[in-house]
Protein backbone atom coordinates (compact mmCIF):
# COMPACT_ATOMS: atom_id res chain seq x y z
CA UNK A 1 -6.65 32.89 -13.12
CA UNK A 2 -5.43 29.64 -14.71
CA UNK A 3 -1.84 30.31 -13.58
CA UNK A 4 -2.97 30.91 -10.00
CA UNK A 5 -5.06 27.73 -10.00
CA UNK A 6 -2.12 25.70 -11.37
CA UNK A 7 0.11 27.12 -8.63
CA UNK A 8 -2.46 26.16 -5.99
CA UNK A 9 -2.71 22.64 -7.41
CA UNK A 10 1.08 22.37 -7.46
CA UNK A 11 1.29 23.41 -3.82
CA UNK A 12 -1.45 20.94 -2.83
CA UNK A 13 0.20 18.14 -4.81
CA UNK A 14 3.54 18.86 -3.10
CA UNK A 15 1.95 18.79 0.35
CA UNK A 16 0.10 15.52 -0.32
CA UNK A 17 3.24 13.92 -1.76
CA UNK A 18 5.23 14.95 1.32
CA UNK A 19 2.50 13.61 3.62
CA UNK A 20 2.47 10.25 1.83
CA UNK A 21 6.26 9.97 1.63
CA UNK A 22 6.96 10.86 5.26
CA UNK A 23 4.08 8.94 6.85
CA UNK A 24 5.30 6.31 9.35
CA UNK A 25 2.55 3.99 8.13
CA UNK A 26 3.69 2.16 5.02
CA UNK A 27 1.66 3.20 1.98
CA UNK A 28 1.65 1.37 -1.35
CA UNK A 29 -0.50 2.48 -4.29
CA UNK A 30 -1.38 -0.11 -6.93
CA UNK A 31 -2.73 -0.06 -10.47
CA UNK A 32 -5.61 -2.13 -11.82
CA UNK A 33 -3.11 -4.91 -12.67
CA UNK A 34 -1.55 -4.85 -9.16
CA UNK A 35 1.59 -2.99 -10.23
CA UNK A 36 3.16 -0.77 -7.55
CA UNK A 37 3.08 2.86 -8.71
CA UNK A 38 4.07 4.36 -5.36
CA UNK A 39 5.68 3.05 -2.18
CA UNK A 40 6.56 5.52 0.53
CA UNK A 41 9.80 5.61 2.49
CA UNK A 42 8.40 3.46 5.33
CA UNK A 43 7.53 0.67 2.89
CA UNK A 44 10.84 0.88 1.05
CA UNK A 45 12.74 0.65 4.35
CA UNK A 46 10.65 -2.35 5.50
CA UNK A 47 11.11 -4.08 2.13
CA UNK A 48 14.90 -3.59 2.31
CA UNK A 49 14.92 -5.55 5.59
CA UNK A 50 13.43 -8.51 3.68
CA UNK A 51 12.04 -9.95 6.90
CA UNK A 52 8.42 -10.14 5.73
CA UNK A 53 7.88 -8.80 2.21
CA UNK A 54 9.73 -7.48 -0.83
CA UNK A 55 9.14 -4.97 -3.58
CA UNK A 56 10.29 -6.75 -6.72
CA UNK A 57 9.68 -5.89 -10.37
CA UNK A 58 6.94 -3.38 -9.52
CA UNK A 59 5.17 -5.95 -7.33
CA UNK A 60 4.73 -6.42 -3.61
CA UNK A 61 5.39 -10.00 -2.48
CA UNK A 62 5.22 -11.65 0.93
CA UNK A 63 8.16 -13.94 1.68
CA UNK A 64 6.10 -16.89 2.87
CA UNK A 65 4.15 -18.66 0.12
CA UNK A 66 0.87 -18.88 2.06
CA UNK A 67 1.08 -15.20 3.08
CA UNK A 68 1.82 -14.19 -0.50
CA UNK A 69 -1.18 -16.15 -1.78
CA UNK A 70 -3.46 -14.23 0.60
CA UNK A 71 -1.78 -10.89 -0.15
CA UNK A 72 -2.16 -11.38 -3.91
CA UNK A 73 -5.81 -12.41 -3.46
CA UNK A 74 -6.50 -9.26 -1.45
CA UNK A 75 -4.66 -7.10 -4.00
CA UNK A 76 -6.63 -8.64 -6.88
CA UNK A 77 -9.88 -8.03 -5.05
CA UNK A 78 -9.06 -4.44 -4.10
CA UNK A 79 -7.94 -3.63 -7.64
CA UNK A 80 -11.07 -5.17 -9.18
CA UNK A 81 -9.40 -8.26 -10.62
CA UNK A 82 -10.99 -11.00 -8.48
CA UNK A 83 -13.26 -13.63 -10.00
CA UNK A 84 -17.02 -13.25 -9.73
CA UNK A 85 -17.03 -16.46 -7.67
CA UNK A 86 -14.71 -14.79 -5.15
CA UNK A 87 -15.91 -11.18 -4.67
CA UNK A 88 -13.14 -10.08 -2.28
CA UNK A 89 -12.64 -6.30 -2.14
CA UNK A 90 -9.44 -6.28 -0.10
CA UNK A 91 -9.18 -6.78 3.63
CA UNK A 92 -6.82 -7.15 6.58
CA UNK A 93 -3.98 -9.60 7.15
CA UNK A 94 -0.82 -10.01 9.18
CA UNK A 95 2.63 -10.44 7.71
CA UNK A 96 4.93 -12.46 10.00
CA UNK A 97 8.49 -11.25 10.36
CA UNK A 98 11.63 -13.37 10.29
CA UNK A 99 13.32 -11.31 12.98
CA UNK A 100 10.89 -12.59 15.63
CA UNK A 101 9.29 -9.16 16.00
CA UNK A 102 5.53 -8.69 16.07
CA UNK A 103 3.76 -9.14 12.74
CA UNK A 104 3.09 -6.21 10.45
CA UNK A 105 -0.60 -5.31 10.36
CA UNK A 106 -1.67 -4.93 6.73
CA UNK A 107 -4.85 -3.51 5.19
CA UNK A 108 -5.49 -3.82 1.46
CA UNK A 109 -8.32 -1.64 0.15
CA UNK A 110 -9.72 -0.17 -3.05
CA UNK A 111 -9.46 3.56 -3.53
CA UNK A 112 -12.60 5.55 -4.35
CA UNK A 113 -14.26 4.84 -7.67
CA UNK A 114 -12.12 6.26 -10.44
CA UNK A 115 -12.63 7.00 -14.10
CA UNK A 116 -11.87 4.39 -16.75
CA UNK A 117 -8.69 6.25 -17.72
CA UNK A 118 -7.49 6.39 -14.10
CA UNK A 119 -8.24 2.69 -13.65
CA UNK A 120 -6.05 1.81 -16.63
CA UNK A 121 -3.18 4.17 -15.79
CA UNK A 122 -3.33 5.23 -12.16
CA UNK A 123 -3.72 3.90 -8.65
CA UNK A 124 -6.95 2.07 -7.85
CA UNK A 125 -5.96 0.27 -4.64
CA UNK A 126 -3.70 0.74 -1.64
CA UNK A 127 -1.85 -1.35 0.91
CA UNK A 128 -1.28 0.13 4.38
CA UNK A 129 1.40 -1.48 6.56
CA UNK A 130 1.76 -0.76 10.25
CA UNK A 131 4.65 -1.82 12.46
CA UNK A 132 3.14 -2.44 15.94
CA UNK A 133 6.38 -1.60 17.78
CA UNK A 134 6.77 1.72 15.98
CA UNK A 135 3.09 2.57 16.48
CA UNK A 136 3.34 1.97 20.23
CA UNK A 137 6.37 4.25 20.43
CA UNK A 138 4.50 7.01 18.58
CA UNK A 139 1.38 6.89 20.75
CA UNK A 140 3.18 6.15 24.02
CA UNK A 141 1.71 2.71 24.73
CA UNK A 142 3.67 -0.15 26.24
């Protein structure tokens, strides 16, 4: 019984991991301190272009100072690190691109309430990054 349940959990974990990794929407999972614990292929590819944001030293950073200030504020809020005077819990923003292409649409949000252990060690917030051009190609809009 335990072996079967572990096999089922392993299969489910593999499927979820594949879904996250292969999703065309960029997905970043963050710890309570804002450290990146997972970035899917779409995010890694966008970060390598260095036209809007980078993944550096387990952190996500926008290239432009003002954009990075907002991104870090949203990340702090979504991961439960914002000041009481500024009760932000994440939110949307746009990340301009150097290449002159349309801005990335970004949503920073907390994940569901987790246990104290998960909050210290695991993901508590996420960043979703959409490329408008790629999205339009997928859904057939012009």
